[in-house]
Amino acid sequence: MEYPDKDHLVIGKITGHYGIKGWVKVFSYSMPINNILNYKDWFFLFNDNFINYVLIDAKEHQKRIIVKFANIDTRDDAKEIIGKDVFINQLDLKKLEDNEYYWRDLEGLSVITAEGFYLGKIQYLFETGANDVMVVKEGNSEYLIPYSLGNIVTDINLDKRRVTVFWDINY
């Protein structure tokens, strides 16, 4: 889905009501899931405009997160955000160390082998437990490449929008 600006990014979704006092359930896209609570200013998209909602309380409840916003005190108040994506301002993201990247910064980059063979573009990444995996596609070809910095991923150049991998195309 395309959004009206690149200054905000999706980090979760409001999935339903919790109780009668304006609390709502949140599905977090962050890992671990409670990292979403590091951000106090959450934004929701209404008619192509981002509206700021201030988080005032949050709890982990039965492996999910429930939150309370300022000025939302009833189920009726909360109904306008049910089903909405949760955005934060990208300027609020934690600054990363050298050789650390947000997945969103890798998506869309070209992937080439150490021998110079073009594999395609990173469509998305996912977590497997052992390591993260890049899904790289070009036409009908799809590669699932472990995101292992230094072993398989040998270079990331954001300026050139390219990732170099030590990878045999016959895998």
Foldseek 3Di string as FASTA:
>chain_A
DDAPDDQKDFFWAFAADDDFFQKTWIGGNDVVRCVVVVDQWKWWDDPRDTDTWGWDDWDQDPNTIITHTPPRTGRVSNPVRHGTTIMDGPVPDDDDDPPDDDFVLQFQFWEAEPVGHTAATFHGWDDDPVAIWTWGDDVPDTDTHGPDDPQFFDDDDSVNSYTYGHDDPVD
